[in-house]
Amino acid sequence: MSEPIVLGIESTCDETAAAIVQGRTLRSNVVASSMNEHARYGGVIPEIASRAHAEAFVPCVSKALADAGLELADVDAIAVSAGPGLAGCLAVGVSGAKALAWAANKPIYGINHVIGHIAVTQLQFGAFPPDTLALIVSGGHTSLLHVEDVARHIDVVGTTLDDAAGECFDKVARLLGFPYPGGPHIDRHAQHGDPKAIRVPQGLTQGKAGAAHPYDFSFSGVKTAVARWIEEQQAAGREIPVDDVCASLADSVATVLAKKAMRGCEQYGSQSLIVGGGFSANSQLRAKLLEYGERCGVDVRIPQIKLCTDNGAMVAMLGVNLVEAGVAPSAPDFPIDSAMPMDKISM
């Protein structure tokens, strides 16, 4: 099949998204976010998110098809995020996608949406070079993956042992009084601060722990260290230098991610690093990765901002890869998997 047309559907958290990808061409990309409904609670409320998915599913899919100038009958396959993610949210998207596949008699692929963050970079940068490494950074995941074949074989090189990078940012943001989501606020303030003003630890980079976990990540201690520093300043009656706190935190996290990613590239002989996930929109991380990549001779591929956060394009692009590789579609009754492992590409 030349240039398969795939409808991708995403509903793992607070974005309902649908997109059409034909080959390596993005023909439409529609995203409806319920983020504003969660802001007053300081985080995503699964029940509210699930209800929002149910309301937005049909409008998103309809607009994605209309924007692409297609009918459902024109697509070759449907891909939908089956995990990891919030169970109720996944259930809405998967149930809707199964209904569409059954009604139109189309094959369906239940995919790992984290692997979708890797696949989507093909829309911007083209095919993957051999022995590519991928750094996935988001609110819930920080993983370093070796991509042997994005449709068939991916190995986990390193993963987060506690708080993910985005989760660490959100928790510190709450201490600083920023509204949810806190990451963008930290990013903006960090651009005006001194990254060396506060000594922020770099988790799993020193001593026995660093040697035992050369490619794993830990940001819980980073969050705790910053929290204690803020509490000490408040107890002493000092004003919190918000810009400096944000800059120091961002520099520490970005440095750890860049160092470990480059070490992984050296270990695997990789000349390319793919970066994906919502946290890859962070400007300090993007700059640090590009700096380290230039220093180490690694081609760092960071997608444009609209392709970093959860979207239907990444699901559809991975679906295209699966169709092109001749991978069998998922069974009609495939389950969701809210804790889908990183080395599982599809159901």
Protein backbone atom coordinates (compact mmCIF):
# COMPACT_ATOMS: atom_id res chain seq x y z
CA MET A 1 0.00 0.00 0.00
CA SER A 2 1.52 3.34 -1.04
CA GLU A 3 1.12 6.26 1.33
CA PRO A 4 -1.53 4.81 3.65
CA ILE A 5 -4.09 7.25 5.03
CA VAL A 6 -4.59 6.85 8.79
CA LEU A 7 -7.00 8.54 11.18
CA GLY A 8 -5.34 8.98 14.58
CA ILE A 9 -7.33 9.49 17.79
CA GLU A 10 -5.83 10.59 21.14
CA SER A 11 -7.55 10.75 24.55
CA THR A 12 -5.00 9.76 27.20
CA CYS A 13 -5.33 12.80 29.46
CA ASP A 14 -6.94 16.22 28.94
CA GLU A 15 -6.65 16.58 25.16
CA THR A 16 -9.18 15.10 22.77
CA ALA A 17 -7.44 14.99 19.41
CA ALA A 18 -7.90 13.61 15.91
CA ALA A 19 -5.68 13.89 12.85
CA ILE A 20 -5.22 12.52 9.35
CA VAL A 21 -1.76 11.52 8.13
CA GLN A 22 -1.11 10.31 4.60
CA GLY A 23 2.35 8.81 4.28
CA ARG A 24 4.54 11.52 5.81
CA THR A 25 2.07 14.34 5.15
CA LEU A 26 -0.12 15.81 7.88
CA ARG A 27 -3.47 16.56 6.27
CA SER A 28 -5.34 17.69 9.38
CA ASN A 29 -4.72 18.04 13.10
CA VAL A 30 -7.52 18.93 15.53
CA VAL A 31 -7.08 19.28 19.30
CA ALA A 32 -9.70 20.13 21.95
CA SER A 33 -8.29 20.64 25.44
CA SER A 34 -10.18 20.54 28.75
CA MET A 35 -7.20 22.06 30.59
CA ASN A 36 -9.10 25.16 31.69
CA GLU A 37 -11.67 22.98 33.42
CA HIS A 38 -8.95 21.41 35.58
CA ALA A 39 -7.03 24.60 36.43
CA ARG A 40 -9.05 25.43 39.54
CA TYR A 41 -8.29 21.98 40.98
CA GLY A 42 -4.53 22.24 40.43
CA GLY A 43 -4.40 19.12 38.25
CA VAL A 44 -6.34 16.86 35.91
CA ILE A 45 -9.54 15.40 37.36
CA PRO A 46 -10.12 12.09 35.52
CA GLU A 47 -13.92 12.23 35.67
CA ILE A 48 -14.03 15.75 34.22
CA ALA A 49 -11.52 14.81 31.53
CA SER A 50 -13.48 11.69 30.55
CA ARG A 51 -16.70 13.68 30.22
CA ALA A 52 -14.92 16.27 28.08
CA HIS A 53 -13.60 13.50 25.81
CA ALA A 54 -17.10 12.12 25.34
CA GLU A 55 -18.37 15.56 24.34
CA ALA A 56 -15.48 16.42 22.03
CA PHE A 57 -14.92 13.06 20.32
CA VAL A 58 -17.38 13.36 17.42
CA PRO A 59 -16.68 17.06 16.71
CA CYS A 60 -12.90 16.45 16.66
CA VAL A 61 -13.08 13.43 14.35
CA SER A 62 -15.59 15.15 12.07
CA LYS A 63 -13.43 18.27 11.77
CA ALA A 64 -10.26 16.22 11.15
CA LEU A 65 -11.95 14.43 8.26
CA ALA A 66 -13.47 17.63 6.90
CA ASP A 67 -10.17 19.55 7.11
CA ALA A 68 -8.50 16.74 5.17
CA GLY A 69 -11.30 16.72 2.59
CA LEU A 70 -12.05 13.06 3.30
CA GLU A 71 -14.84 10.75 4.36
CA LEU A 72 -14.31 7.96 6.88
CA ALA A 73 -14.52 5.49 3.99
CA ASP A 74 -11.39 7.07 2.47
CA VAL A 75 -9.04 6.16 5.32
CA ASP A 76 -7.07 2.93 5.23
CA ALA A 77 -6.88 2.39 8.99
CA ILE A 78 -7.69 3.91 12.36
CA ALA A 79 -5.12 4.27 15.15
CA VAL A 80 -6.04 5.14 18.73
CA SER A 81 -4.07 5.58 21.93
CA ALA A 82 -4.63 2.49 24.07
CA GLY A 83 -2.21 3.53 26.80
CA PRO A 84 -0.51 4.59 28.93
CA GLY A 85 -2.85 7.19 30.37
CA LEU A 86 -5.93 7.73 32.52
CA ALA A 87 -8.18 4.67 32.29
CA GLY A 88 -11.47 6.52 31.91
CA CYS A 89 -10.03 8.84 29.27
CA LEU A 90 -8.54 5.95 27.33
CA ALA A 91 -11.85 4.09 27.45
CA VAL A 92 -13.68 6.97 25.76
CA GLY A 93 -11.23 7.24 22.88
CA VAL A 94 -10.83 3.51 22.34
CA SER A 95 -14.57 2.85 22.48
CA GLY A 96 -15.23 5.60 19.96
CA ALA A 97 -12.46 4.43 17.66
CA LYS A 98 -13.70 0.84 17.78
CA ALA A 99 -17.20 2.01 16.87
CA LEU A 100 -15.83 3.91 13.86
CA ALA A 101 -13.71 0.95 12.77
CA TRP A 102 -16.66 -1.44 13.03
CA ALA A 103 -19.06 0.91 11.21
CA ALA A 104 -16.62 1.59 8.35
CA ASN A 105 -15.08 -1.90 8.29
CA LYS A 106 -11.56 -0.52 8.82
CA PRO A 107 -8.57 -2.13 10.58
CA ILE A 108 -7.76 -0.59 13.95
CA TYR A 109 -4.48 -0.26 15.85
CA GLY A 110 -4.40 0.35 19.60
CA ILE A 111 -1.05 2.11 19.98
CA ASN A 112 1.31 3.25 22.73
CA HIS A 113 0.92 7.01 22.69
CA VAL A 114 4.40 7.56 24.16
CA ILE A 115 5.89 5.81 21.11
CA GLY A 116 3.70 8.15 19.07
CA HIS A 117 5.80 11.02 20.42
CA ILE A 118 8.75 9.38 18.66
CA ALA A 119 6.94 8.63 15.41
CA VAL A 120 5.57 12.16 14.96
CA THR A 121 9.03 13.63 14.38
CA GLN A 122 9.00 11.96 10.94
CA LEU A 123 6.52 14.60 9.80
CA GLN A 124 9.21 17.24 10.31
CA PHE A 125 12.53 15.44 9.96
CA GLY A 126 11.84 12.39 7.79
CA ALA A 127 12.97 8.81 8.33
CA PHE A 128 14.86 7.66 11.40
CA PRO A 129 18.61 7.06 11.02
CA PRO A 130 19.89 3.67 12.28
CA ASP A 131 20.40 3.26 16.05
CA THR A 132 18.35 6.30 16.96
CA LEU A 133 17.82 7.16 20.61
CA ALA A 134 14.68 8.90 21.82
CA LEU A 135 14.20 11.04 24.93
CA ILE A 136 10.55 11.25 26.00
CA VAL A 137 9.79 13.92 28.60
CA SER A 138 6.29 14.74 29.80
CA GLY A 139 4.22 15.23 32.92
CA GLY A 140 4.12 11.51 33.61
CA HIS A 141 7.03 10.01 31.69
CA THR A 142 10.76 10.52 31.43
CA SER A 143 12.25 7.74 29.33
CA LEU A 144 15.31 7.11 27.20
CA LEU A 145 14.57 4.60 24.44
CA HIS A 146 16.61 2.87 21.74
CA VAL A 147 14.64 2.79 18.49
CA GLU A 148 15.63 -0.21 16.41
CA ASP A 149 12.34 -0.18 14.48
CA VAL A 150 9.58 2.22 15.53
CA ALA A 151 6.91 -0.22 14.31
CA ARG A 152 8.43 -3.44 15.67
CA HIS A 153 11.18 -3.09 18.26
CA ILE A 154 12.04 -0.49 20.89
CA ASP A 155 14.22 -1.06 23.97
CA VAL A 156 14.06 0.87 27.24
CA VAL A 157 17.48 2.34 28.06
CA GLY A 158 16.44 4.42 31.06
CA THR A 159 13.31 5.56 32.85
CA THR A 160 12.16 7.71 35.74
CA LEU A 161 12.31 6.07 39.17
CA ASP A 162 9.97 8.57 40.83
CA ASP A 163 8.81 12.03 39.68
CA ALA A 164 8.97 12.72 35.95
CA ALA A 165 10.45 16.02 34.77
CA GLY A 166 7.08 17.64 34.07
CA GLU A 167 5.69 16.40 37.39
CA CYS A 168 8.64 17.96 39.23
CA PHE A 169 7.99 21.31 37.54
CA ASP A 170 4.27 21.24 38.35
CA LYS A 171 4.93 20.52 42.03
CA VAL A 172 7.45 23.34 42.38
CA ALA A 173 5.10 25.64 40.47
CA ARG A 174 2.43 25.07 43.13
CA LEU A 175 4.89 26.09 45.85
CA LEU A 176 5.54 29.31 43.96
CA GLY A 177 1.83 30.01 43.62
CA PHE A 178 1.59 29.45 39.87
CA PRO A 179 -1.70 28.17 38.44
CA TYR A 180 -1.96 24.78 36.76
CA PRO A 181 -0.26 23.82 34.52
CA GLY A 182 2.86 25.23 36.14
CA GLY A 183 5.48 24.27 33.57
CA PRO A 184 4.93 27.19 31.16
CA HIS A 185 5.08 29.67 34.07
CA ILE A 186 8.40 28.27 35.27
CA ASP A 187 9.70 28.42 31.70
CA ARG A 188 8.80 32.10 31.32
CA HIS A 189 10.27 33.15 34.69
CA ALA A 190 13.41 31.07 34.11
CA GLN A 191 14.21 33.14 31.03
CA HIS A 192 14.77 36.17 33.32
CA GLY A 193 16.63 34.45 36.17
CA ASP A 194 20.16 33.33 37.05
CA PRO A 195 20.49 29.56 36.55
CA LYS A 196 23.42 29.46 39.00
CA ALA A 197 21.76 31.48 41.76
CA ILE A 198 20.61 28.44 43.73
CA ARG A 199 22.37 25.11 44.09
CA VAL A 200 19.87 22.52 42.85
CA PRO A 201 20.96 18.84 42.98
CA GLN A 202 21.14 16.72 39.84
CA GLY A 203 19.46 13.41 40.65
CA LEU A 204 21.19 10.09 39.90
CA THR A 205 24.34 11.68 38.50
CA GLN A 206 26.81 11.24 41.37
CA GLY A 207 28.27 8.45 43.48
CA LYS A 208 27.01 4.88 43.69
CA ALA A 209 23.45 5.83 42.71
CA GLY A 210 24.68 7.53 39.56
CA ALA A 211 26.88 4.56 38.68
CA ALA A 212 24.04 2.09 39.29
CA HIS A 213 21.54 4.12 37.23
CA PRO A 214 23.53 5.79 34.43
CA TYR A 215 20.48 6.27 32.20
CA ASP A 216 17.65 6.45 34.75
CA PHE A 217 16.10 9.64 36.08
CA SER A 218 15.02 10.87 39.52
CA PHE A 219 13.52 14.30 40.09
CA SER A 220 11.82 13.77 43.45
CA GLY A 221 14.93 14.89 45.34
CA VAL A 222 15.21 17.94 43.11
CA LYS A 223 11.66 18.94 43.95
CA THR A 224 12.26 18.39 47.67
CA ALA A 225 15.50 20.39 47.68
CA VAL A 226 13.87 23.37 46.01
CA ALA A 227 10.86 23.13 48.34
CA ARG A 228 13.08 23.15 51.43
CA TRP A 229 15.06 26.13 50.13
CA ILE A 230 11.82 28.06 49.57
CA GLU A 231 10.59 27.16 53.06
CA GLU A 232 13.87 28.30 54.63
CA GLN A 233 13.68 31.65 52.86
CA GLN A 234 10.08 32.13 53.92
CA ALA A 235 10.88 31.21 57.53
CA ALA A 236 13.67 33.81 57.54
CA GLY A 237 11.30 36.43 56.17
CA ARG A 238 13.17 36.81 52.90
CA GLU A 239 11.53 37.51 49.57
CA ILE A 240 11.63 34.56 47.17
CA PRO A 241 13.61 35.38 43.99
CA VAL A 242 11.11 33.61 41.75
CA ASP A 243 13.01 34.12 38.50
CA ASP A 244 16.20 32.70 40.00
CA VAL A 245 14.41 29.70 41.53
CA CYS A 246 12.82 28.88 38.18
CA ALA A 247 16.07 29.34 36.26
CA SER A 248 18.06 27.19 38.68
CA LEU A 249 15.46 24.41 38.64
CA ALA A 250 15.15 24.47 34.84
CA ASP A 251 18.92 24.42 34.35
CA SER A 252 19.38 21.46 36.72
CA VAL A 253 16.65 19.35 35.11
CA ALA A 254 17.71 20.22 31.55
CA THR A 255 21.36 19.44 32.29
CA VAL A 256 20.55 16.00 33.71
CA LEU A 257 18.35 15.15 30.73
CA ALA A 258 20.94 16.34 28.22
CA LYS A 259 23.89 14.62 29.90
CA LYS A 260 22.16 11.27 30.22
CA ALA A 261 20.78 11.43 26.68
CA MET A 262 24.24 12.13 25.27
CA ARG A 263 25.75 9.34 27.36
CA GLY A 264 23.13 6.99 25.93
CA CYS A 265 23.95 8.10 22.39
CA GLU A 266 27.62 7.36 23.02
CA GLN A 267 26.82 3.94 24.50
CA TYR A 268 24.67 2.92 21.52
CA GLY A 269 26.74 4.62 18.85
CA SER A 270 23.77 6.84 18.00
CA GLN A 271 24.28 9.96 15.93
CA SER A 272 20.66 11.05 16.32
CA LEU A 273 18.45 11.89 19.30
CA ILE A 274 14.69 12.27 18.92
CA VAL A 275 12.96 14.34 21.59
CA GLY A 276 9.23 14.18 22.33
CA GLY A 277 6.56 14.73 24.94
CA GLY A 278 4.91 17.84 26.34
CA PHE A 279 7.90 18.84 28.46
CA SER A 280 10.07 19.03 25.33
CA ALA A 281 8.34 22.38 24.70
CA ASN A 282 10.43 23.80 27.58
CA SER A 283 12.80 26.40 26.14
CA GLN A 284 15.67 25.69 28.57
CA LEU A 285 15.58 21.98 27.74
CA ARG A 286 15.47 22.61 24.00
CA ALA A 287 18.47 24.96 24.21
CA LYS A 288 20.45 22.61 26.46
CA LEU A 289 19.85 19.57 24.24
CA LEU A 290 20.88 21.46 21.12
CA GLU A 291 24.00 22.76 22.91
CA TYR A 292 25.04 19.30 24.09
CA GLY A 293 24.14 17.76 20.74
CA GLU A 294 26.42 20.18 18.89
CA ARG A 295 29.19 19.52 21.40
CA CYS A 296 28.87 15.72 21.08
CA GLY A 297 28.19 15.54 17.34
CA VAL A 298 24.60 14.32 17.78
CA ASP A 299 21.75 15.44 15.54
CA VAL A 300 19.03 16.49 18.01
CA ARG A 301 15.55 16.39 16.49
CA ILE A 302 13.03 18.39 18.53
CA PRO A 303 9.63 18.84 16.87
CA GLN A 304 7.76 22.10 16.61
CA ILE A 305 5.73 22.98 19.71
CA LYS A 306 2.34 21.90 18.33
CA LEU A 307 3.69 18.36 17.84
CA CYS A 308 5.25 18.12 21.33
CA THR A 309 2.06 17.95 23.37
CA ASP A 310 -0.47 15.12 23.00
CA ASN A 311 -2.10 15.23 19.57
CA GLY A 312 -3.72 13.01 16.97
CA ALA A 313 -0.89 13.46 14.47
CA MET A 314 1.50 11.37 16.56
CA VAL A 315 -1.06 8.56 16.83
CA ALA A 316 -1.79 8.62 13.11
CA MET A 317 1.92 8.72 12.22
CA LEU A 318 2.64 5.64 14.32
CA GLY A 319 -0.38 4.02 12.68
CA VAL A 320 1.14 4.72 9.26
CA ASN A 321 4.39 3.07 10.40
CA LEU A 322 2.49 -0.02 11.55
CA VAL A 323 0.54 -0.29 8.29
CA GLU A 324 3.69 0.17 6.18
CA ALA A 325 5.56 -2.47 8.21
CA GLY A 326 2.77 -4.98 7.69
CA VAL A 327 2.05 -5.29 11.40
CA ALA A 328 -1.26 -7.05 12.01
CA PRO A 329 -4.09 -4.82 13.28
CA SER A 330 -5.20 -5.10 16.89
CA ALA A 331 -7.96 -7.56 17.73
CA PRO A 332 -11.42 -5.95 17.68
CA ASP A 333 -11.75 -6.50 21.45
CA PHE A 334 -8.29 -5.25 22.47
CA PRO A 335 -8.20 -3.74 25.98
CA ILE A 336 -6.86 -0.41 27.17
CA ASP A 337 -3.70 -0.48 29.26
CA SER A 338 -3.25 2.54 31.53
CA ALA A 339 0.24 1.33 32.47
CA MET A 340 1.32 0.21 29.00
CA PRO A 341 5.08 -0.54 29.08
CA MET A 342 7.41 1.57 26.97
CA ASP A 343 8.63 -1.36 24.90
CA LYS A 344 5.12 -2.32 23.79
CA ILE A 345 4.29 -0.48 20.58
CA SER A 346 0.75 -1.67 19.89
CA MET A 347 -1.88 -4.02 21.29
